[in-house]
Amino acid sequence: MPLERAKEIAYDKGLDLVLIAPNSDPPVCRIMDYGKYRYERDKKEKESKRKQQTVEIKEVQLSFKIDTHDFETKARRAIGFLSDGNKVRVVLRFRGREMVHQQIGRDLLLRFEEYCREYGTADKSPVLEGRQLVMFISPNRAQRDKDAKGVKGSKGSKETVGSK
């Protein structure tokens, strides 16, 4: 319909004439309450932003000659990050002549991945970047959901120990 006729109808109804698709031929307009339309659009945007989950990348640094207890401590720290829903970047730095023994470093990272397997999976095998081996571990969705339910359920329950 002609632009003047559309403006007239919108004015009679007390609404606005809003240009929806300016690039089409002919341009598409709609008669609506523009304030209400903007309010609804902004409300949807806020809702979608609220539902978005930001994933941080946490880093765990290992050394070539790491001891068993230190390895387990670093792995438990990584498991904590994975439980929170964050990705973990595992870095093993080679110093000096350690570059000759890259296979030992790969084995260490694969052992680290095996230790964290219940909470996350490696995106790809360890990659050599300069003088360091790098591996990314992403959290398992099922485990994260399970942990979230466990935290909610255990909040109100308390155990009491009987006295002798």
N, C-alpha and C. Protein backbone atom coordinates (compact mmCIF):
# COMPACT_ATOMS: atom_id res chain seq x y z
N MET A 1 0.85 -1.18 0.00
CA MET A 1 0.00 0.00 0.00
C MET A 1 0.89 1.24 0.00
N PRO A 2 0.38 2.33 -0.42
CA PRO A 2 1.17 3.56 -0.46
C PRO A 2 1.55 4.03 0.95
N LEU A 3 2.68 4.73 1.03
CA LEU A 3 3.23 5.18 2.31
C LEU A 3 2.25 6.11 3.03
N GLU A 4 1.64 7.00 2.31
CA GLU A 4 0.70 7.95 2.93
C GLU A 4 -0.48 7.22 3.56
N ARG A 5 -0.98 6.20 2.89
CA ARG A 5 -2.13 5.42 3.41
C ARG A 5 -1.72 4.68 4.69
N ALA A 6 -0.49 4.09 4.70
CA ALA A 6 -0.01 3.38 5.88
C ALA A 6 0.18 4.33 7.06
N LYS A 7 0.71 5.53 6.80
CA LYS A 7 0.88 6.53 7.87
C LYS A 7 -0.48 6.92 8.46
N GLU A 8 -1.45 7.07 7.57
CA GLU A 8 -2.80 7.45 8.00
C GLU A 8 -3.42 6.39 8.91
N ILE A 9 -3.29 5.13 8.53
CA ILE A 9 -3.85 4.03 9.33
C ILE A 9 -3.16 3.98 10.70
N ALA A 10 -1.83 4.12 10.70
CA ALA A 10 -1.08 4.08 11.96
C ALA A 10 -1.50 5.24 12.86
N TYR A 11 -1.68 6.43 12.29
CA TYR A 11 -2.07 7.59 13.08
C TYR A 11 -3.46 7.41 13.67
N ASP A 12 -4.38 6.82 12.90
CA ASP A 12 -5.75 6.59 13.37
C ASP A 12 -5.77 5.61 14.55
N LYS A 13 -4.90 4.60 14.51
CA LYS A 13 -4.86 3.60 15.58
C LYS A 13 -3.98 4.03 16.76
N GLY A 14 -3.28 5.15 16.61
CA GLY A 14 -2.41 5.63 17.69
C GLY A 14 -1.13 4.80 17.82
N LEU A 15 -0.68 4.21 16.70
CA LEU A 15 0.52 3.38 16.71
C LEU A 15 1.58 3.99 15.81
N ASP A 16 2.73 3.32 15.72
CA ASP A 16 3.84 3.80 14.91
C ASP A 16 3.99 2.95 13.65
N LEU A 17 4.51 3.54 12.61
CA LEU A 17 4.84 2.83 11.39
C LEU A 17 6.34 2.55 11.43
N VAL A 18 6.71 1.25 11.56
CA VAL A 18 8.11 0.87 11.76
C VAL A 18 8.63 0.18 10.51
N LEU A 19 9.78 0.63 10.04
CA LEU A 19 10.43 0.04 8.87
C LEU A 19 11.14 -1.24 9.30
N ILE A 20 10.70 -2.39 8.81
CA ILE A 20 11.22 -3.69 9.21
C ILE A 20 12.35 -4.14 8.29
N ALA A 21 12.13 -4.14 6.97
CA ALA A 21 13.12 -4.59 6.00
C ALA A 21 13.34 -3.50 4.95
N PRO A 22 14.31 -2.61 5.18
CA PRO A 22 14.51 -1.49 4.25
C PRO A 22 15.13 -1.91 2.92
N ASN A 23 15.83 -3.04 2.87
CA ASN A 23 16.52 -3.44 1.64
C ASN A 23 15.64 -4.19 0.66
N SER A 24 14.48 -4.64 1.08
CA SER A 24 13.61 -5.38 0.16
C SER A 24 12.92 -4.41 -0.80
N ASP A 25 12.36 -4.98 -1.86
CA ASP A 25 11.69 -4.13 -2.85
C ASP A 25 10.25 -4.58 -2.98
N PRO A 26 9.26 -3.91 -2.55
CA PRO A 26 9.28 -2.63 -1.85
C PRO A 26 9.65 -2.81 -0.36
N PRO A 27 10.08 -1.73 0.30
CA PRO A 27 10.44 -1.83 1.73
C PRO A 27 9.24 -2.29 2.56
N VAL A 28 9.54 -3.12 3.58
CA VAL A 28 8.48 -3.68 4.42
C VAL A 28 8.36 -2.86 5.69
N CYS A 29 7.12 -2.44 6.01
CA CYS A 29 6.85 -1.69 7.24
C CYS A 29 5.77 -2.42 8.04
N ARG A 30 5.73 -2.12 9.33
CA ARG A 30 4.72 -2.74 10.18
C ARG A 30 4.15 -1.66 11.10
N ILE A 31 2.84 -1.77 11.35
CA ILE A 31 2.18 -0.85 12.27
C ILE A 31 2.21 -1.49 13.65
N MET A 32 2.89 -0.82 14.61
CA MET A 32 3.02 -1.38 15.96
C MET A 32 3.36 -0.27 16.95
N ASP A 33 3.31 -0.63 18.22
CA ASP A 33 3.74 0.28 19.28
C ASP A 33 5.26 0.12 19.41
N TYR A 34 6.01 1.08 18.94
CA TYR A 34 7.46 0.95 18.88
C TYR A 34 8.10 0.88 20.27
N GLY A 35 7.58 1.60 21.21
CA GLY A 35 8.11 1.56 22.58
C GLY A 35 8.00 0.16 23.18
N LYS A 36 6.85 -0.47 22.98
CA LYS A 36 6.63 -1.83 23.49
C LYS A 36 7.57 -2.81 22.77
N TYR A 37 7.74 -2.62 21.46
CA TYR A 37 8.62 -3.48 20.67
C TYR A 37 10.05 -3.41 21.18
N ARG A 38 10.55 -2.18 21.43
CA ARG A 38 11.91 -2.00 21.95
C ARG A 38 12.07 -2.62 23.32
N TYR A 39 11.06 -2.45 24.17
CA TYR A 39 11.09 -3.02 25.52
C TYR A 39 11.20 -4.54 25.46
N GLU A 40 10.38 -5.17 24.61
CA GLU A 40 10.41 -6.63 24.48
C GLU A 40 11.75 -7.11 23.93
N ARG A 41 12.28 -6.39 22.94
CA ARG A 41 13.56 -6.76 22.34
C ARG A 41 14.69 -6.67 23.37
N ASP A 42 14.72 -5.59 24.15
CA ASP A 42 15.75 -5.43 25.17
C ASP A 42 15.62 -6.48 26.26
N LYS A 43 14.40 -6.82 26.60
CA LYS A 43 14.15 -7.84 27.62
C LYS A 43 14.69 -9.20 27.17
N LYS A 44 14.47 -9.55 25.89
CA LYS A 44 14.99 -10.80 25.35
C LYS A 44 16.51 -10.82 25.33
N GLU A 45 17.12 -9.69 24.98
CA GLU A 45 18.59 -9.60 24.96
C GLU A 45 19.17 -9.80 26.35
N LYS A 46 18.57 -9.17 27.35
CA LYS A 46 19.05 -9.32 28.72
C LYS A 46 18.91 -10.76 29.19
N GLU A 47 17.81 -11.41 28.82
CA GLU A 47 17.57 -12.80 29.21
C GLU A 47 18.62 -13.71 28.58
N SER A 48 18.92 -13.48 27.31
CA SER A 48 19.91 -14.33 26.64
C SER A 48 21.31 -14.10 27.22
N LYS A 49 21.64 -12.87 27.58
CA LYS A 49 22.94 -12.59 28.20
C LYS A 49 23.02 -13.26 29.57
N ARG A 50 21.93 -13.28 30.29
CA ARG A 50 21.92 -13.87 31.63
C ARG A 50 22.12 -15.39 31.55
N LYS A 51 21.57 -16.00 30.50
CA LYS A 51 21.66 -17.45 30.36
C LYS A 51 23.01 -17.90 29.82
N GLN A 52 23.77 -16.99 29.23
CA GLN A 52 25.08 -17.36 28.69
C GLN A 52 26.01 -17.73 29.83
N GLN A 53 26.79 -18.78 29.59
CA GLN A 53 27.75 -19.19 30.60
C GLN A 53 29.14 -18.88 30.08
N THR A 54 29.89 -18.10 30.82
CA THR A 54 31.23 -17.77 30.39
C THR A 54 32.18 -18.86 30.83
N VAL A 55 33.00 -19.31 29.90
CA VAL A 55 33.97 -20.35 30.19
C VAL A 55 35.34 -19.71 30.21
N GLU A 56 35.99 -19.83 31.33
CA GLU A 56 37.34 -19.30 31.46
C GLU A 56 38.33 -20.42 31.17
N ILE A 57 39.52 -20.02 30.76
CA ILE A 57 40.59 -21.00 30.55
C ILE A 57 41.58 -20.83 31.70
N LYS A 58 41.66 -21.85 32.52
CA LYS A 58 42.60 -21.86 33.64
C LYS A 58 43.85 -22.61 33.20
N GLU A 59 44.99 -22.27 33.78
CA GLU A 59 46.23 -22.90 33.37
C GLU A 59 46.88 -23.63 34.53
N VAL A 60 47.38 -24.82 34.24
CA VAL A 60 48.13 -25.61 35.20
C VAL A 60 49.50 -25.87 34.58
N GLN A 61 50.57 -25.49 35.28
CA GLN A 61 51.92 -25.66 34.76
C GLN A 61 52.60 -26.83 35.45
N LEU A 62 53.14 -27.71 34.63
CA LEU A 62 53.86 -28.86 35.15
C LEU A 62 55.33 -28.71 34.76
N SER A 63 56.19 -29.39 35.51
CA SER A 63 57.60 -29.42 35.14
C SER A 63 57.96 -30.83 34.74
N PHE A 64 59.07 -30.95 34.06
CA PHE A 64 59.50 -32.22 33.52
C PHE A 64 59.79 -33.24 34.63
N LYS A 65 60.37 -32.78 35.73
CA LYS A 65 60.78 -33.68 36.83
C LYS A 65 59.83 -33.56 38.02
N ILE A 66 58.53 -33.56 37.78
CA ILE A 66 57.55 -33.38 38.85
C ILE A 66 57.45 -34.66 39.69
N ASP A 67 57.32 -34.49 40.98
CA ASP A 67 57.21 -35.62 41.88
C ASP A 67 55.74 -36.07 41.96
N THR A 68 55.50 -37.24 42.51
CA THR A 68 54.17 -37.83 42.54
C THR A 68 53.17 -36.96 43.29
N HIS A 69 53.52 -36.50 44.48
CA HIS A 69 52.58 -35.70 45.27
C HIS A 69 52.28 -34.37 44.60
N ASP A 70 53.31 -33.74 44.02
CA ASP A 70 53.09 -32.48 43.32
C ASP A 70 52.18 -32.69 42.11
N PHE A 71 52.38 -33.80 41.42
CA PHE A 71 51.54 -34.14 40.27
C PHE A 71 50.08 -34.28 40.70
N GLU A 72 49.85 -35.00 41.78
CA GLU A 72 48.48 -35.20 42.26
C GLU A 72 47.85 -33.89 42.72
N THR A 73 48.64 -33.02 43.34
CA THR A 73 48.13 -31.71 43.78
C THR A 73 47.70 -30.88 42.58
N LYS A 74 48.54 -30.84 41.55
CA LYS A 74 48.19 -30.09 40.33
C LYS A 74 46.96 -30.69 39.66
N ALA A 75 46.87 -32.02 39.64
CA ALA A 75 45.73 -32.68 39.01
C ALA A 75 44.44 -32.39 39.78
N ARG A 76 44.50 -32.39 41.11
CA ARG A 76 43.31 -32.07 41.91
C ARG A 76 42.88 -30.62 41.67
N ARG A 77 43.85 -29.73 41.51
CA ARG A 77 43.54 -28.33 41.22
C ARG A 77 42.82 -28.23 39.85
N ALA A 78 43.31 -28.98 38.87
CA ALA A 78 42.69 -28.99 37.55
C ALA A 78 41.28 -29.57 37.63
N ILE A 79 41.09 -30.60 38.44
CA ILE A 79 39.76 -31.20 38.61
C ILE A 79 38.80 -30.18 39.22
N GLY A 80 39.30 -29.37 40.14
CA GLY A 80 38.48 -28.30 40.71
C GLY A 80 38.04 -27.30 39.65
N PHE A 81 38.97 -26.93 38.77
CA PHE A 81 38.62 -26.01 37.67
C PHE A 81 37.59 -26.64 36.75
N LEU A 82 37.77 -27.92 36.42
CA LEU A 82 36.84 -28.61 35.53
C LEU A 82 35.46 -28.74 36.17
N SER A 83 35.43 -28.97 37.48
CA SER A 83 34.15 -29.07 38.19
C SER A 83 33.38 -27.76 38.16
N ASP A 84 34.12 -26.64 38.13
CA ASP A 84 33.49 -25.32 38.04
C ASP A 84 33.03 -25.00 36.63
N GLY A 85 33.37 -25.87 35.66
CA GLY A 85 32.94 -25.65 34.28
C GLY A 85 33.94 -24.89 33.44
N ASN A 86 35.18 -24.75 33.91
CA ASN A 86 36.21 -24.04 33.16
C ASN A 86 37.07 -25.01 32.37
N LYS A 87 37.63 -24.52 31.27
CA LYS A 87 38.60 -25.31 30.51
C LYS A 87 39.94 -25.19 31.22
N VAL A 88 40.78 -26.20 31.04
CA VAL A 88 42.10 -26.19 31.66
C VAL A 88 43.15 -26.33 30.57
N ARG A 89 44.13 -25.45 30.62
CA ARG A 89 45.28 -25.51 29.71
C ARG A 89 46.43 -26.07 30.53
N VAL A 90 46.91 -27.25 30.13
CA VAL A 90 48.00 -27.90 30.84
C VAL A 90 49.27 -27.65 30.06
N VAL A 91 50.28 -27.06 30.72
CA VAL A 91 51.53 -26.69 30.06
C VAL A 91 52.68 -27.41 30.75
N LEU A 92 53.53 -28.04 29.95
CA LEU A 92 54.74 -28.66 30.47
C LEU A 92 55.92 -27.98 29.78
N ARG A 93 56.73 -27.25 30.56
CA ARG A 93 57.86 -26.51 30.00
C ARG A 93 59.12 -27.36 30.05
N PHE A 94 59.83 -27.35 28.95
CA PHE A 94 61.12 -28.02 28.88
C PHE A 94 62.21 -26.98 29.07
N ARG A 95 63.20 -27.30 29.91
CA ARG A 95 64.33 -26.38 30.12
C ARG A 95 65.61 -27.09 29.71
N GLY A 96 66.45 -26.38 29.05
CA GLY A 96 67.77 -26.90 28.69
C GLY A 96 67.70 -28.16 27.85
N ARG A 97 68.38 -29.20 28.33
CA ARG A 97 68.49 -30.45 27.56
C ARG A 97 67.27 -31.36 27.72
N GLU A 98 66.26 -30.91 28.44
CA GLU A 98 65.05 -31.71 28.60
C GLU A 98 64.32 -31.87 27.26
N MET A 99 64.58 -31.00 26.28
CA MET A 99 63.93 -31.07 24.97
C MET A 99 64.19 -32.41 24.28
N VAL A 100 65.27 -33.05 24.64
CA VAL A 100 65.61 -34.34 24.03
C VAL A 100 64.59 -35.40 24.43
N HIS A 101 64.01 -35.27 25.62
CA HIS A 101 63.10 -36.28 26.17
C HIS A 101 61.64 -35.86 26.04
N GLN A 102 61.22 -35.48 24.85
CA GLN A 102 59.84 -35.04 24.64
C GLN A 102 58.83 -36.15 24.88
N GLN A 103 59.21 -37.39 24.60
CA GLN A 103 58.28 -38.51 24.78
C GLN A 103 57.92 -38.69 26.26
N ILE A 104 58.87 -38.46 27.15
CA ILE A 104 58.59 -38.55 28.59
C ILE A 104 57.58 -37.47 28.97
N GLY A 105 57.72 -36.28 28.39
CA GLY A 105 56.77 -35.19 28.63
C GLY A 105 55.37 -35.53 28.12
N ARG A 106 55.30 -36.13 26.93
CA ARG A 106 53.99 -36.54 26.39
C ARG A 106 53.34 -37.57 27.30
N ASP A 107 54.14 -38.53 27.77
CA ASP A 107 53.61 -39.56 28.67
C ASP A 107 53.08 -38.93 29.95
N LEU A 108 53.77 -37.91 30.45
CA LEU A 108 53.33 -37.22 31.67
C LEU A 108 51.99 -36.53 31.44
N LEU A 109 51.85 -35.86 30.29
CA LEU A 109 50.58 -35.18 30.00
C LEU A 109 49.46 -36.19 29.77
N LEU A 110 49.76 -37.31 29.15
CA LEU A 110 48.73 -38.33 28.96
C LEU A 110 48.32 -38.94 30.29
N ARG A 111 49.27 -39.08 31.22
CA ARG A 111 48.94 -39.55 32.57
C ARG A 111 48.06 -38.53 33.30
N PHE A 112 48.36 -37.24 33.08
CA PHE A 112 47.56 -36.16 33.66
C PHE A 112 46.13 -36.23 33.13
N GLU A 113 46.02 -36.44 31.82
CA GLU A 113 44.69 -36.56 31.20
C GLU A 113 43.93 -37.75 31.78
N GLU A 114 44.62 -38.87 31.95
CA GLU A 114 43.99 -40.06 32.52
C GLU A 114 43.50 -39.79 33.94
N TYR A 115 44.27 -39.05 34.72
CA TYR A 115 43.91 -38.72 36.09
C TYR A 115 42.63 -37.88 36.14
N CYS A 116 42.46 -36.99 35.16
CA CYS A 116 41.31 -36.07 35.12
C CYS A 116 40.18 -36.59 34.24
N ARG A 117 40.27 -37.81 33.73
CA ARG A 117 39.32 -38.32 32.74
C ARG A 117 37.87 -38.26 33.22
N GLU A 118 37.62 -38.50 34.50
CA GLU A 118 36.25 -38.51 35.01
C GLU A 118 35.60 -37.13 34.94
N TYR A 119 36.41 -36.08 34.99
CA TYR A 119 35.89 -34.72 35.03
C TYR A 119 36.02 -33.96 33.71
N GLY A 120 36.91 -34.42 32.82
CA GLY A 120 37.10 -33.72 31.56
C GLY A 120 37.81 -34.57 30.54
N THR A 121 37.70 -34.14 29.29
CA THR A 121 38.36 -34.85 28.20
C THR A 121 39.26 -33.89 27.46
N ALA A 122 40.38 -34.42 26.97
CA ALA A 122 41.33 -33.60 26.22
C ALA A 122 40.75 -33.28 24.84
N ASP A 123 40.88 -32.02 24.44
CA ASP A 123 40.38 -31.61 23.13
C ASP A 123 41.19 -32.26 22.02
N LYS A 124 42.51 -32.32 22.20
CA LYS A 124 43.39 -33.00 21.25
C LYS A 124 44.65 -33.43 21.98
N SER A 125 45.46 -34.22 21.32
CA SER A 125 46.67 -34.71 21.97
C SER A 125 47.64 -33.56 22.22
N PRO A 126 48.61 -33.74 23.14
CA PRO A 126 49.55 -32.66 23.46
C PRO A 126 50.30 -32.17 22.21
N VAL A 127 50.46 -30.85 22.12
CA VAL A 127 51.10 -30.22 20.97
C VAL A 127 52.33 -29.45 21.46
N LEU A 128 53.43 -29.56 20.73
CA LEU A 128 54.65 -28.86 21.07
C LEU A 128 54.59 -27.44 20.51
N GLU A 129 54.68 -26.44 21.39
CA GLU A 129 54.70 -25.03 20.99
C GLU A 129 55.98 -24.43 21.54
N GLY A 130 56.98 -24.32 20.70
CA GLY A 130 58.26 -23.80 21.16
C GLY A 130 58.93 -24.81 22.08
N ARG A 131 59.16 -24.40 23.33
CA ARG A 131 59.81 -25.28 24.31
C ARG A 131 58.80 -25.81 25.33
N GLN A 132 57.54 -25.86 24.98
CA GLN A 132 56.54 -26.37 25.91
C GLN A 132 55.52 -27.24 25.21
N LEU A 133 55.05 -28.25 25.92
CA LEU A 133 53.96 -29.10 25.45
C LEU A 133 52.67 -28.55 26.02
N VAL A 134 51.64 -28.41 25.19
CA VAL A 134 50.38 -27.82 25.62
C VAL A 134 49.23 -28.77 25.31
N MET A 135 48.28 -28.87 26.25
CA MET A 135 47.10 -29.70 26.07
C MET A 135 45.92 -28.98 26.71
N PHE A 136 44.77 -29.00 26.06
CA PHE A 136 43.56 -28.40 26.61
C PHE A 136 42.61 -29.50 27.05
N ILE A 137 42.02 -29.34 28.23
CA ILE A 137 41.04 -30.29 28.75
C ILE A 137 39.73 -29.53 28.95
N SER A 138 38.65 -30.05 28.36
CA SER A 138 37.33 -29.44 28.49
C SER A 138 36.51 -30.24 29.51
N PRO A 139 35.66 -29.56 30.28
CA PRO A 139 34.87 -30.28 31.29
C PRO A 139 33.81 -31.17 30.65
N ASN A 140 33.55 -32.30 31.31
CA ASN A 140 32.46 -33.18 30.89
C ASN A 140 31.16 -32.56 31.34
N ARG A 141 30.21 -32.43 30.44
CA ARG A 141 28.93 -31.80 30.78
C ARG A 141 28.15 -32.63 31.79
N ALA A 142 28.12 -33.93 31.63
CA ALA A 142 27.35 -34.80 32.53
C ALA A 142 27.91 -34.72 33.95
N GLN A 143 29.23 -34.70 34.08
CA GLN A 143 29.85 -34.64 35.41
C GLN A 143 29.56 -33.30 36.08
N ARG A 144 29.61 -32.22 35.30
CA ARG A 144 29.35 -30.89 35.84
C ARG A 144 27.92 -30.79 36.35
N ASP A 145 26.96 -31.33 35.57
CA ASP A 145 25.56 -31.31 35.99
C ASP A 145 25.37 -32.16 37.25
N LYS A 146 26.07 -33.28 37.32
CA LYS A 146 25.98 -34.17 38.47
C LYS A 146 26.51 -33.47 39.73
N ASP A 147 27.65 -32.76 39.58
CA ASP A 147 28.22 -32.02 40.71
C ASP A 147 27.28 -30.91 41.17
N ALA A 148 26.65 -30.23 40.23
CA ALA A 148 25.74 -29.15 40.59
C ALA A 148 24.54 -29.68 41.37
N LYS A 149 24.01 -30.84 40.96
CA LYS A 149 22.88 -31.43 41.68
C LYS A 149 23.32 -31.91 43.07
N GLY A 150 24.53 -32.45 43.17
CA GLY A 150 25.04 -32.93 44.44
C GLY A 150 25.21 -31.81 45.45
N VAL A 151 25.64 -30.66 45.00
CA VAL A 151 25.83 -29.51 45.89
C VAL A 151 24.50 -29.02 46.40
N LYS A 152 23.49 -28.95 45.51
CA LYS A 152 22.17 -28.49 45.92
C LYS A 152 21.53 -29.45 46.90
N GLY A 153 21.69 -30.75 46.66
CA GLY A 153 21.05 -31.76 47.50
C GLY A 153 21.69 -31.88 48.87
N SER A 154 22.98 -31.65 48.98
CA SER A 154 23.67 -31.86 50.24
C SER A 154 23.62 -30.65 51.15
N LYS A 155 23.03 -29.58 50.71
CA LYS A 155 23.02 -28.35 51.48
C LYS A 155 22.28 -28.49 52.81
N GLY A 156 21.14 -29.12 52.79
CA GLY A 156 20.32 -29.16 53.99
C GLY A 156 20.55 -30.38 54.86
N SER A 157 21.29 -31.37 54.37
CA SER A 157 21.44 -32.60 55.15
C SER A 157 22.66 -32.52 56.05
N LYS A 158 22.50 -32.94 57.29
CA LYS A 158 23.61 -32.97 58.25
C LYS A 158 23.63 -34.32 58.92
N GLU A 159 24.83 -34.83 59.11
CA GLU A 159 24.97 -36.10 59.81
C GLU A 159 25.39 -35.83 61.23
N THR A 160 24.85 -36.61 62.16
CA THR A 160 25.25 -36.48 63.55
C THR A 160 25.93 -37.76 63.97
N VAL A 161 26.96 -37.64 64.76
CA VAL A 161 27.69 -38.80 65.24
C VAL A 161 27.24 -39.07 66.67
N GLY A 162 26.82 -40.31 66.90
CA GLY A 162 26.33 -40.67 68.24
C GLY A 162 27.48 -40.76 69.24
N SER A 163 27.22 -40.44 70.51
CA SER A 163 28.26 -40.52 71.56
C SER A 163 28.15 -41.85 72.28
N LYS A 164 29.28 -42.30 72.87
CA LYS A 164 29.32 -43.59 73.55
C LYS A 164 28.96 -43.46 75.00
